[in-house]
Amino acid sequence: YTGIAYLVTAALLTIPFAIISNRFFALGITFVISVLIIF
Protein backbone atom coordinates (compact mmCIF):
# COMPACT_ATOMS: atom_id res chain seq x y z
CA TYR A 1 0.00 0.00 0.00
CA THR A 2 2.83 2.41 0.83
CA GLY A 3 4.69 1.76 -2.42
CA ILE A 4 1.57 1.99 -4.57
CA ALA A 5 0.39 5.18 -2.86
CA TYR A 6 3.80 6.72 -3.50
CA LEU A 7 3.97 5.62 -7.13
CA VAL A 8 0.43 6.72 -8.03
CA THR A 9 0.92 10.10 -6.36
CA ALA A 10 4.29 10.63 -8.05
CA ALA A 11 2.83 9.68 -11.44
CA LEU A 12 -0.01 12.17 -11.04
CA LEU A 13 2.50 14.89 -10.17
CA THR A 14 4.70 14.09 -13.18
CA ILE A 15 1.99 13.71 -15.86
CA PRO A 16 1.63 17.47 -16.55
CA PHE A 17 5.19 17.57 -17.87
CA ALA A 18 4.33 14.86 -20.40
CA ILE A 19 1.35 16.74 -21.82
CA ILE A 20 2.27 20.42 -21.39
CA SER A 21 5.30 21.81 -23.20
CA ASN A 22 5.78 24.87 -20.97
CA ARG A 23 7.54 23.59 -17.84
CA PHE A 24 6.33 26.46 -15.67
CA PHE A 25 2.69 25.96 -16.67
CA ALA A 26 3.16 22.21 -16.09
CA LEU A 27 4.58 23.03 -12.67
CA GLY A 28 1.50 25.11 -11.88
CA ILE A 29 -0.73 22.18 -12.88
CA THR A 30 1.41 19.91 -10.70
CA PHE A 31 0.72 22.18 -7.74
CA VAL A 32 -3.01 22.12 -8.46
CA ILE A 33 -2.92 18.32 -8.63
CA SER A 34 -0.95 18.23 -5.38
CA VAL A 35 -3.54 20.38 -3.60
CA LEU A 36 -6.36 18.25 -5.01
CA ILE A 37 -4.66 15.05 -3.82
CA ILE A 38 -4.13 16.53 -0.35
CA PHE A 39 -7.72 17.77 -0.26
ModelCIF file with pLDDT and N, C-alpha, C, O atoms, coordinates in Angstrom:
data_MODEL
#
_entry.id   MODEL 
#
_entity.id                         1 
_entity.type                       polymer 
_entity.pdbx_number_of_molecules   1 
#
_entity_poly.entity_id                      1 
_entity_poly.type                           'polypeptide(L)' 
_entity_poly.nstd_linkage                   no 
_entity_poly.nstd_monomer                   no 
_entity_poly.pdbx_seq_one_letter_code       YTGIAYLVTAALLTIPFAIISNRFFALGITFVISVLIIF 
_entity_poly.pdbx_seq_one_letter_code_can   YTGIAYLVTAALLTIPFAIISNRFFALGITFVISVLIIF 
_entity_poly.pdbx_strand_id                 A 
#
loop_
_entity_poly_seq.entity_id 
_entity_poly_seq.num 
_entity_poly_seq.mon_id 
_entity_poly_seq.hetero 
1 1  TYR n 
1 2  THR n 
1 3  GLY n 
1 4  ILE n 
1 5  ALA n 
1 6  TYR n 
1 7  LEU n 
1 8  VAL n 
1 9  THR n 
1 10 ALA n 
1 11 ALA n 
1 12 LEU n 
1 13 LEU n 
1 14 THR n 
1 15 ILE n 
1 16 PRO n 
1 17 PHE n 
1 18 ALA n 
1 19 ILE n 
1 20 ILE n 
1 21 SER n 
1 22 ASN n 
1 23 ARG n 
1 24 PHE n 
1 25 PHE n 
1 26 ALA n 
1 27 LEU n 
1 28 GLY n 
1 29 ILE n 
1 30 THR n 
1 31 PHE n 
1 32 VAL n 
1 33 ILE n 
1 34 SER n 
1 35 VAL n 
1 36 LEU n 
1 37 ILE n 
1 38 ILE n 
1 39 PHE n 
#
_struct_asym.id          A 
_struct_asym.entity_id   1 
#
loop_
_ma_qa_metric.id 
_ma_qa_metric.mode 
_ma_qa_metric.name 
_ma_qa_metric.software_group_id 
_ma_qa_metric.type 
1 global pLDDT . pLDDT 
2 local  pLDDT . pLDDT 
#
_ma_qa_metric_global.metric_id      1 
_ma_qa_metric_global.metric_value   94.49 
_ma_qa_metric_global.model_id       1 
_ma_qa_metric_global.ordinal_id     1 
#
loop_
_ma_qa_metric_local.label_asym_id 
_ma_qa_metric_local.label_comp_id 
_ma_qa_metric_local.label_seq_id 
_ma_qa_metric_local.metric_id 
_ma_qa_metric_local.metric_value 
_ma_qa_metric_local.model_id 
_ma_qa_metric_local.ordinal_id 
A TYR 1  2 96.00 1 1  
A THR 2  2 96.00 1 2  
A GLY 3  2 96.00 1 3  
A ILE 4  2 96.00 1 4  
A ALA 5  2 95.00 1 5  
A TYR 6  2 96.00 1 6  
A LEU 7  2 96.00 1 7  
A VAL 8  2 96.00 1 8  
A THR 9  2 96.00 1 9  
A ALA 10 2 96.00 1 10 
A ALA 11 2 96.00 1 11 
A LEU 12 2 96.00 1 12 
A LEU 13 2 96.00 1 13 
A THR 14 2 96.00 1 14 
A ILE 15 2 96.00 1 15 
A PRO 16 2 96.00 1 16 
A PHE 17 2 94.00 1 17 
A ALA 18 2 94.00 1 18 
A ILE 19 2 95.00 1 19 
A ILE 20 2 94.00 1 20 
A SER 21 2 90.00 1 21 
A ASN 22 2 93.00 1 22 
A ARG 23 2 91.00 1 23 
A PHE 24 2 91.00 1 24 
A PHE 25 2 95.00 1 25 
A ALA 26 2 94.00 1 26 
A LEU 27 2 92.00 1 27 
A GLY 28 2 94.00 1 28 
A ILE 29 2 96.00 1 29 
A THR 30 2 94.00 1 30 
A PHE 31 2 92.00 1 31 
A VAL 32 2 95.00 1 32 
A ILE 33 2 96.00 1 33 
A SER 34 2 93.00 1 34 
A VAL 35 2 94.00 1 35 
A LEU 36 2 95.00 1 36 
A ILE 37 2 93.00 1 37 
A ILE 38 2 91.00 1 38 
A PHE 39 2 94.00 1 39 
#
loop_
_atom_site.group_PDB 
_atom_site.id 
_atom_site.type_symbol 
_atom_site.label_atom_id 
_atom_site.label_alt_id 
_atom_site.label_comp_id 
_atom_site.label_asym_id 
_atom_site.label_entity_id 
_atom_site.label_seq_id 
_atom_site.pdbx_PDB_ins_code 
_atom_site.Cartn_x 
_atom_site.Cartn_y 
_atom_site.Cartn_z 
_atom_site.occupancy 
_atom_site.B_iso_or_equiv 
_atom_site.pdbx_formal_charge 
_atom_site.auth_seq_id 
_atom_site.auth_comp_id 
_atom_site.auth_asym_id 
_atom_site.auth_atom_id 
_atom_site.pdbx_PDB_model_num 
ATOM 1   N N  . TYR A 1 1  ? 0.833  -1.210 0.000   1.00 96.00 ? 1  TYR A N  1 
ATOM 2   C CA . TYR A 1 1  ? 0.000  0.000  0.000   1.00 96.00 ? 1  TYR A CA 1 
ATOM 3   C C  . TYR A 1 1  ? 0.866  1.258  0.000   1.00 96.00 ? 1  TYR A C  1 
ATOM 4   O O  . TYR A 1 1  ? 0.562  2.221  -0.704  1.00 96.00 ? 1  TYR A O  1 
ATOM 5   N N  . THR A 1 2  ? 1.935  1.253  0.781   1.00 96.00 ? 2  THR A N  1 
ATOM 6   C CA . THR A 1 2  ? 2.831  2.411  0.833   1.00 96.00 ? 2  THR A CA 1 
ATOM 7   C C  . THR A 1 2  ? 3.476  2.660  -0.532  1.00 96.00 ? 2  THR A C  1 
ATOM 8   O O  . THR A 1 2  ? 3.471  3.786  -1.031  1.00 96.00 ? 2  THR A O  1 
ATOM 9   N N  . GLY A 1 3  ? 4.026  1.615  -1.125  1.00 96.00 ? 3  GLY A N  1 
ATOM 10  C CA . GLY A 1 3  ? 4.686  1.763  -2.421  1.00 96.00 ? 3  GLY A CA 1 
ATOM 11  C C  . GLY A 1 3  ? 3.732  2.205  -3.521  1.00 96.00 ? 3  GLY A C  1 
ATOM 12  O O  . GLY A 1 3  ? 4.073  3.058  -4.341  1.00 96.00 ? 3  GLY A O  1 
ATOM 13  N N  . ILE A 1 4  ? 2.545  1.627  -3.539  1.00 96.00 ? 4  ILE A N  1 
ATOM 14  C CA . ILE A 1 4  ? 1.567  1.991  -4.569  1.00 96.00 ? 4  ILE A CA 1 
ATOM 15  C C  . ILE A 1 4  ? 1.095  3.424  -4.369  1.00 96.00 ? 4  ILE A C  1 
ATOM 16  O O  . ILE A 1 4  ? 0.978  4.178  -5.335  1.00 96.00 ? 4  ILE A O  1 
ATOM 17  N N  . ALA A 1 5  ? 0.824  3.807  -3.128  1.00 95.00 ? 5  ALA A N  1 
ATOM 18  C CA . ALA A 1 5  ? 0.387  5.185  -2.862  1.00 95.00 ? 5  ALA A CA 1 
ATOM 19  C C  . ALA A 1 5  ? 1.452  6.174  -3.318  1.00 95.00 ? 5  ALA A C  1 
ATOM 20  O O  . ALA A 1 5  ? 1.132  7.216  -3.890  1.00 95.00 ? 5  ALA A O  1 
ATOM 21  N N  . TYR A 1 6  ? 2.708  5.851  -3.067  1.00 96.00 ? 6  TYR A N  1 
ATOM 22  C CA . TYR A 1 6  ? 3.798  6.723  -3.497  1.00 96.00 ? 6  TYR A CA 1 
ATOM 23  C C  . TYR A 1 6  ? 3.837  6.805  -5.024  1.00 96.00 ? 6  TYR A C  1 
ATOM 24  O O  . TYR A 1 6  ? 3.875  7.898  -5.590  1.00 96.00 ? 6  TYR A O  1 
ATOM 25  N N  . LEU A 1 7  ? 3.827  5.662  -5.679  1.00 96.00 ? 7  LEU A N  1 
ATOM 26  C CA . LEU A 1 7  ? 3.972  5.625  -7.127  1.00 96.00 ? 7  LEU A CA 1 
ATOM 27  C C  . LEU A 1 7  ? 2.816  6.318  -7.840  1.00 96.00 ? 7  LEU A C  1 
ATOM 28  O O  . LEU A 1 7  ? 3.040  7.069  -8.789  1.00 96.00 ? 7  LEU A O  1 
ATOM 29  N N  . VAL A 1 8  ? 1.601  6.082  -7.403  1.00 96.00 ? 8  VAL A N  1 
ATOM 30  C CA . VAL A 1 8  ? 0.434  6.722  -8.032  1.00 96.00 ? 8  VAL A CA 1 
ATOM 31  C C  . VAL A 1 8  ? 0.497  8.238  -7.842  1.00 96.00 ? 8  VAL A C  1 
ATOM 32  O O  . VAL A 1 8  ? 0.256  8.996  -8.782  1.00 96.00 ? 8  VAL A O  1 
ATOM 33  N N  . THR A 1 9  ? 0.818  8.671  -6.631  1.00 96.00 ? 9  THR A N  1 
ATOM 34  C CA . THR A 1 9  ? 0.921  10.105 -6.365  1.00 96.00 ? 9  THR A CA 1 
ATOM 35  C C  . THR A 1 9  ? 2.016  10.736 -7.209  1.00 96.00 ? 9  THR A C  1 
ATOM 36  O O  . THR A 1 9  ? 1.808  11.791 -7.807  1.00 96.00 ? 9  THR A O  1 
ATOM 37  N N  . ALA A 1 10 ? 3.174  10.102 -7.263  1.00 96.00 ? 10 ALA A N  1 
ATOM 38  C CA . ALA A 1 10 ? 4.292  10.629 -8.050  1.00 96.00 ? 10 ALA A CA 1 
ATOM 39  C C  . ALA A 1 10 ? 3.940  10.689 -9.533  1.00 96.00 ? 10 ALA A C  1 
ATOM 40  O O  . ALA A 1 10 ? 4.302  11.646 -10.218 1.00 96.00 ? 10 ALA A O  1 
ATOM 41  N N  . ALA A 1 11 ? 3.243  9.683  -10.029 1.00 96.00 ? 11 ALA A N  1 
ATOM 42  C CA . ALA A 1 11 ? 2.835  9.678  -11.437 1.00 96.00 ? 11 ALA A CA 1 
ATOM 43  C C  . ALA A 1 11 ? 1.893  10.847 -11.722 1.00 96.00 ? 11 ALA A C  1 
ATOM 44  O O  . ALA A 1 11 ? 2.047  11.540 -12.727 1.00 96.00 ? 11 ALA A O  1 
ATOM 45  N N  . LEU A 1 12 ? 0.928  11.062 -10.844 1.00 96.00 ? 12 LEU A N  1 
ATOM 46  C CA . LEU A 1 12 ? -0.011 12.167 -11.038 1.00 96.00 ? 12 LEU A CA 1 
ATOM 47  C C  . LEU A 1 12 ? 0.705  13.518 -11.039 1.00 96.00 ? 12 LEU A C  1 
ATOM 48  O O  . LEU A 1 12 ? 0.313  14.429 -11.768 1.00 96.00 ? 12 LEU A O  1 
ATOM 49  N N  . LEU A 1 13 ? 1.745  13.644 -10.231 1.00 96.00 ? 13 LEU A N  1 
ATOM 50  C CA . LEU A 1 13 ? 2.496  14.894 -10.169 1.00 96.00 ? 13 LEU A CA 1 
ATOM 51  C C  . LEU A 1 13 ? 3.396  15.099 -11.387 1.00 96.00 ? 13 LEU A C  1 
ATOM 52  O O  . LEU A 1 13 ? 3.735  16.235 -11.721 1.00 96.00 ? 13 LEU A O  1 
ATOM 53  N N  . THR A 1 14 ? 3.780  14.022 -12.043 1.00 96.00 ? 14 THR A N  1 
ATOM 54  C CA . THR A 1 14 ? 4.696  14.095 -13.184 1.00 96.00 ? 14 THR A CA 1 
ATOM 55  C C  . THR A 1 14 ? 3.961  14.238 -14.518 1.00 96.00 ? 14 THR A C  1 
ATOM 56  O O  . THR A 1 14 ? 4.503  14.815 -15.461 1.00 96.00 ? 14 THR A O  1 
ATOM 57  N N  . ILE A 1 15 ? 2.749  13.726 -14.606 1.00 96.00 ? 15 ILE A N  1 
ATOM 58  C CA . ILE A 1 15 ? 1.987  13.714 -15.856 1.00 96.00 ? 15 ILE A CA 1 
ATOM 59  C C  . ILE A 1 15 ? 1.908  15.081 -16.551 1.00 96.00 ? 15 ILE A C  1 
ATOM 60  O O  . ILE A 1 15 ? 2.029  15.128 -17.776 1.00 96.00 ? 15 ILE A O  1 
ATOM 61  N N  . PRO A 1 16 ? 1.712  16.186 -15.832 1.00 96.00 ? 16 PRO A N  1 
ATOM 62  C CA . PRO A 1 16 ? 1.627  17.468 -16.550 1.00 96.00 ? 16 PRO A CA 1 
ATOM 63  C C  . PRO A 1 16 ? 2.825  17.766 -17.451 1.00 96.00 ? 16 PRO A C  1 
ATOM 64  O O  . PRO A 1 16 ? 2.674  18.411 -18.488 1.00 96.00 ? 16 PRO A O  1 
ATOM 65  N N  . PHE A 1 17 ? 3.998  17.307 -17.067 1.00 94.00 ? 17 PHE A N  1 
ATOM 66  C CA . PHE A 1 17 ? 5.195  17.568 -17.873 1.00 94.00 ? 17 PHE A CA 1 
ATOM 67  C C  . PHE A 1 17 ? 5.198  16.753 -19.164 1.00 94.00 ? 17 PHE A C  1 
ATOM 68  O O  . PHE A 1 17 ? 5.891  17.102 -20.120 1.00 94.00 ? 17 PHE A O  1 
ATOM 69  N N  . ALA A 1 18 ? 4.430  15.680 -19.193 1.00 94.00 ? 18 ALA A N  1 
ATOM 70  C CA . ALA A 1 18 ? 4.331  14.856 -20.399 1.00 94.00 ? 18 ALA A CA 1 
ATOM 71  C C  . ALA A 1 18 ? 3.318  15.413 -21.391 1.00 94.00 ? 18 ALA A C  1 
ATOM 72  O O  . ALA A 1 18 ? 3.368  15.090 -22.577 1.00 94.00 ? 18 ALA A O  1 
ATOM 73  N N  . ILE A 1 19 ? 2.398  16.248 -20.912 1.00 95.00 ? 19 ILE A N  1 
ATOM 74  C CA . ILE A 1 19 ? 1.354  16.739 -21.821 1.00 95.00 ? 19 ILE A CA 1 
ATOM 75  C C  . ILE A 1 19 ? 1.380  18.250 -22.045 1.00 95.00 ? 19 ILE A C  1 
ATOM 76  O O  . ILE A 1 19 ? 0.677  18.764 -22.915 1.00 95.00 ? 19 ILE A O  1 
ATOM 77  N N  . ILE A 1 20 ? 2.186  18.957 -21.263 1.00 94.00 ? 20 ILE A N  1 
ATOM 78  C CA . ILE A 1 20 ? 2.271  20.418 -21.391 1.00 94.00 ? 20 ILE A CA 1 
ATOM 79  C C  . ILE A 1 20 ? 3.713  20.783 -21.696 1.00 94.00 ? 20 ILE A C  1 
ATOM 80  O O  . ILE A 1 20 ? 4.622  20.401 -20.959 1.00 94.00 ? 20 ILE A O  1 
ATOM 81  N N  . SER A 1 21 ? 3.928  21.518 -22.777 1.00 90.00 ? 21 SER A N  1 
ATOM 82  C CA . SER A 1 21 ? 5.302  21.809 -23.202 1.00 90.00 ? 21 SER A CA 1 
ATOM 83  C C  . SER A 1 21 ? 5.970  22.925 -22.396 1.00 90.00 ? 21 SER A C  1 
ATOM 84  O O  . SER A 1 21 ? 7.198  22.973 -22.332 1.00 90.00 ? 21 SER A O  1 
ATOM 85  N N  . ASN A 1 22 ? 5.211  23.805 -21.792 1.00 93.00 ? 22 ASN A N  1 
ATOM 86  C CA . ASN A 1 22 ? 5.782  24.870 -20.972 1.00 93.00 ? 22 ASN A CA 1 
ATOM 87  C C  . ASN A 1 22 ? 5.992  24.341 -19.560 1.00 93.00 ? 22 ASN A C  1 
ATOM 88  O O  . ASN A 1 22 ? 5.024  24.045 -18.859 1.00 93.00 ? 22 ASN A O  1 
ATOM 89  N N  . ARG A 1 23 ? 7.251  24.219 -19.136 1.00 91.00 ? 23 ARG A N  1 
ATOM 90  C CA . ARG A 1 23 ? 7.538  23.590 -17.845 1.00 91.00 ? 23 ARG A CA 1 
ATOM 91  C C  . ARG A 1 23 ? 6.982  24.373 -16.668 1.00 91.00 ? 23 ARG A C  1 
ATOM 92  O O  . ARG A 1 23 ? 6.668  23.775 -15.638 1.00 91.00 ? 23 ARG A O  1 
ATOM 93  N N  . PHE A 1 24 ? 6.851  25.675 -16.781 1.00 91.00 ? 24 PHE A N  1 
ATOM 94  C CA . PHE A 1 24 ? 6.330  26.465 -15.675 1.00 91.00 ? 24 PHE A CA 1 
ATOM 95  C C  . PHE A 1 24 ? 4.809  26.325 -15.568 1.00 91.00 ? 24 PHE A C  1 
ATOM 96  O O  . PHE A 1 24 ? 4.264  26.309 -14.465 1.00 91.00 ? 24 PHE A O  1 
ATOM 97  N N  . PHE A 1 25 ? 4.134  26.226 -16.693 1.00 95.00 ? 25 PHE A N  1 
ATOM 98  C CA . PHE A 1 25 ? 2.694  25.958 -16.670 1.00 95.00 ? 25 PHE A CA 1 
ATOM 99  C C  . PHE A 1 25 ? 2.442  24.549 -16.138 1.00 95.00 ? 25 PHE A C  1 
ATOM 100 O O  . PHE A 1 25 ? 1.529  24.329 -15.342 1.00 95.00 ? 25 PHE A O  1 
ATOM 101 N N  . ALA A 1 26 ? 3.269  23.592 -16.591 1.00 94.00 ? 26 ALA A N  1 
ATOM 102 C CA . ALA A 1 26 ? 3.158  22.208 -16.093 1.00 94.00 ? 26 ALA A CA 1 
ATOM 103 C C  . ALA A 1 26 ? 3.386  22.172 -14.581 1.00 94.00 ? 26 ALA A C  1 
ATOM 104 O O  . ALA A 1 26 ? 2.716  21.428 -13.864 1.00 94.00 ? 26 ALA A O  1 
ATOM 105 N N  . LEU A 1 27 ? 4.320  22.966 -14.111 1.00 92.00 ? 27 LEU A N  1 
ATOM 106 C CA . LEU A 1 27 ? 4.583  23.032 -12.673 1.00 92.00 ? 27 LEU A CA 1 
ATOM 107 C C  . LEU A 1 27 ? 3.362  23.573 -11.921 1.00 92.00 ? 27 LEU A C  1 
ATOM 108 O O  . LEU A 1 27 ? 3.017  23.074 -10.850 1.00 92.00 ? 27 LEU A O  1 
ATOM 109 N N  . GLY A 1 28 ? 2.721  24.580 -12.479 1.00 94.00 ? 28 GLY A N  1 
ATOM 110 C CA . GLY A 1 28 ? 1.500  25.113 -11.883 1.00 94.00 ? 28 GLY A CA 1 
ATOM 111 C C  . GLY A 1 28 ? 0.406  24.058 -11.803 1.00 94.00 ? 28 GLY A C  1 
ATOM 112 O O  . GLY A 1 28 ? -0.290 23.957 -10.792 1.00 94.00 ? 28 GLY A O  1 
ATOM 113 N N  . ILE A 1 29 ? 0.254  23.272 -12.864 1.00 96.00 ? 29 ILE A N  1 
ATOM 114 C CA . ILE A 1 29 ? -0.734 22.183 -12.879 1.00 96.00 ? 29 ILE A CA 1 
ATOM 115 C C  . ILE A 1 29 ? -0.355 21.119 -11.847 1.00 96.00 ? 29 ILE A C  1 
ATOM 116 O O  . ILE A 1 29 ? -1.226 20.547 -11.190 1.00 96.00 ? 29 ILE A O  1 
ATOM 117 N N  . THR A 1 30 ? 0.935  20.859 -11.708 1.00 94.00 ? 30 THR A N  1 
ATOM 118 C CA . THR A 1 30 ? 1.410  19.907 -10.700 1.00 94.00 ? 30 THR A CA 1 
ATOM 119 C C  . THR A 1 30 ? 1.006  20.367 -9.301  1.00 94.00 ? 30 THR A C  1 
ATOM 120 O O  . THR A 1 30 ? 0.585  19.556 -8.475  1.00 94.00 ? 30 THR A O  1 
ATOM 121 N N  . PHE A 1 31 ? 1.135  21.661 -9.037  1.00 92.00 ? 31 PHE A N  1 
ATOM 122 C CA . PHE A 1 31 ? 0.722  22.184 -7.735  1.00 92.00 ? 31 PHE A CA 1 
ATOM 123 C C  . PHE A 1 31 ? -0.784 22.028 -7.527  1.00 92.00 ? 31 PHE A C  1 
ATOM 124 O O  . PHE A 1 31 ? -1.227 21.676 -6.434  1.00 92.00 ? 31 PHE A O  1 
ATOM 125 N N  . VAL A 1 32 ? -1.567 22.289 -8.570  1.00 95.00 ? 32 VAL A N  1 
ATOM 126 C CA . VAL A 1 32 ? -3.015 22.123 -8.459  1.00 95.00 ? 32 VAL A CA 1 
ATOM 127 C C  . VAL A 1 32 ? -3.346 20.660 -8.160  1.00 95.00 ? 32 VAL A C  1 
ATOM 128 O O  . VAL A 1 32 ? -4.178 20.369 -7.300  1.00 95.00 ? 32 VAL A O  1 
ATOM 129 N N  . ILE A 1 33 ? -2.694 19.749 -8.870  1.00 96.00 ? 33 ILE A N  1 
ATOM 130 C CA . ILE A 1 33 ? -2.916 18.323 -8.634  1.00 96.00 ? 33 ILE A CA 1 
ATOM 131 C C  . ILE A 1 33 ? -2.518 17.958 -7.203  1.00 96.00 ? 33 ILE A C  1 
ATOM 132 O O  . ILE A 1 33 ? -3.217 17.194 -6.537  1.00 96.00 ? 33 ILE A O  1 
ATOM 133 N N  . SER A 1 34 ? -1.414 18.497 -6.741  1.00 93.00 ? 34 SER A N  1 
ATOM 134 C CA . SER A 1 34 ? -0.949 18.233 -5.384  1.00 93.00 ? 34 SER A CA 1 
ATOM 135 C C  . SER A 1 34 ? -1.989 18.680 -4.353  1.00 93.00 ? 34 SER A C  1 
ATOM 136 O O  . SER A 1 34 ? -2.300 17.940 -3.420  1.00 93.00 ? 34 SER A O  1 
ATOM 137 N N  . VAL A 1 35 ? -2.517 19.878 -4.523  1.00 94.00 ? 35 VAL A N  1 
ATOM 138 C CA . VAL A 1 35 ? -3.536 20.382 -3.596  1.00 94.00 ? 35 VAL A CA 1 
ATOM 139 C C  . VAL A 1 35 ? -4.790 19.519 -3.660  1.00 94.00 ? 35 VAL A C  1 
ATOM 140 O O  . VAL A 1 35 ? -5.398 19.230 -2.629  1.00 94.00 ? 35 VAL A O  1 
ATOM 141 N N  . LEU A 1 36 ? -5.183 19.105 -4.866  1.00 95.00 ? 36 LEU A N  1 
ATOM 142 C CA . LEU A 1 36 ? -6.362 18.248 -5.006  1.00 95.00 ? 36 LEU A CA 1 
ATOM 143 C C  . LEU A 1 36 ? -6.155 16.886 -4.347  1.00 95.00 ? 36 LEU A C  1 
ATOM 144 O O  . LEU A 1 36 ? -7.076 16.351 -3.730  1.00 95.00 ? 36 LEU A O  1 
ATOM 145 N N  . ILE A 1 37 ? -4.963 16.328 -4.472  1.00 93.00 ? 37 ILE A N  1 
ATOM 146 C CA . ILE A 1 37 ? -4.655 15.049 -3.815  1.00 93.00 ? 37 ILE A CA 1 
ATOM 147 C C  . ILE A 1 37 ? -4.734 15.223 -2.291  1.00 93.00 ? 37 ILE A C  1 
ATOM 148 O O  . ILE A 1 37 ? -5.351 14.416 -1.597  1.00 93.00 ? 37 ILE A O  1 
ATOM 149 N N  . ILE A 1 38 ? -4.108 16.274 -1.790  1.00 91.00 ? 38 ILE A N  1 
ATOM 150 C CA . ILE A 1 38 ? -4.127 16.527 -0.348  1.00 91.00 ? 38 ILE A CA 1 
ATOM 151 C C  . ILE A 1 38 ? -5.567 16.731 0.129   1.00 91.00 ? 38 ILE A C  1 
ATOM 152 O O  . ILE A 1 38 ? -5.976 16.179 1.150   1.00 91.00 ? 38 ILE A O  1 
ATOM 153 N N  . PHE A 1 39 ? -6.322 17.524 -0.619  1.00 94.00 ? 39 PHE A N  1 
ATOM 154 C CA . PHE A 1 39 ? -7.724 17.774 -0.255  1.00 94.00 ? 39 PHE A CA 1 
ATOM 155 C C  . PHE A 1 39 ? -8.524 16.474 -0.268  1.00 94.00 ? 39 PHE A C  1 
ATOM 156 O O  . PHE A 1 39 ? -9.722 16.484 0.012   1.00 94.00 ? 39 PHE A O  1 
#
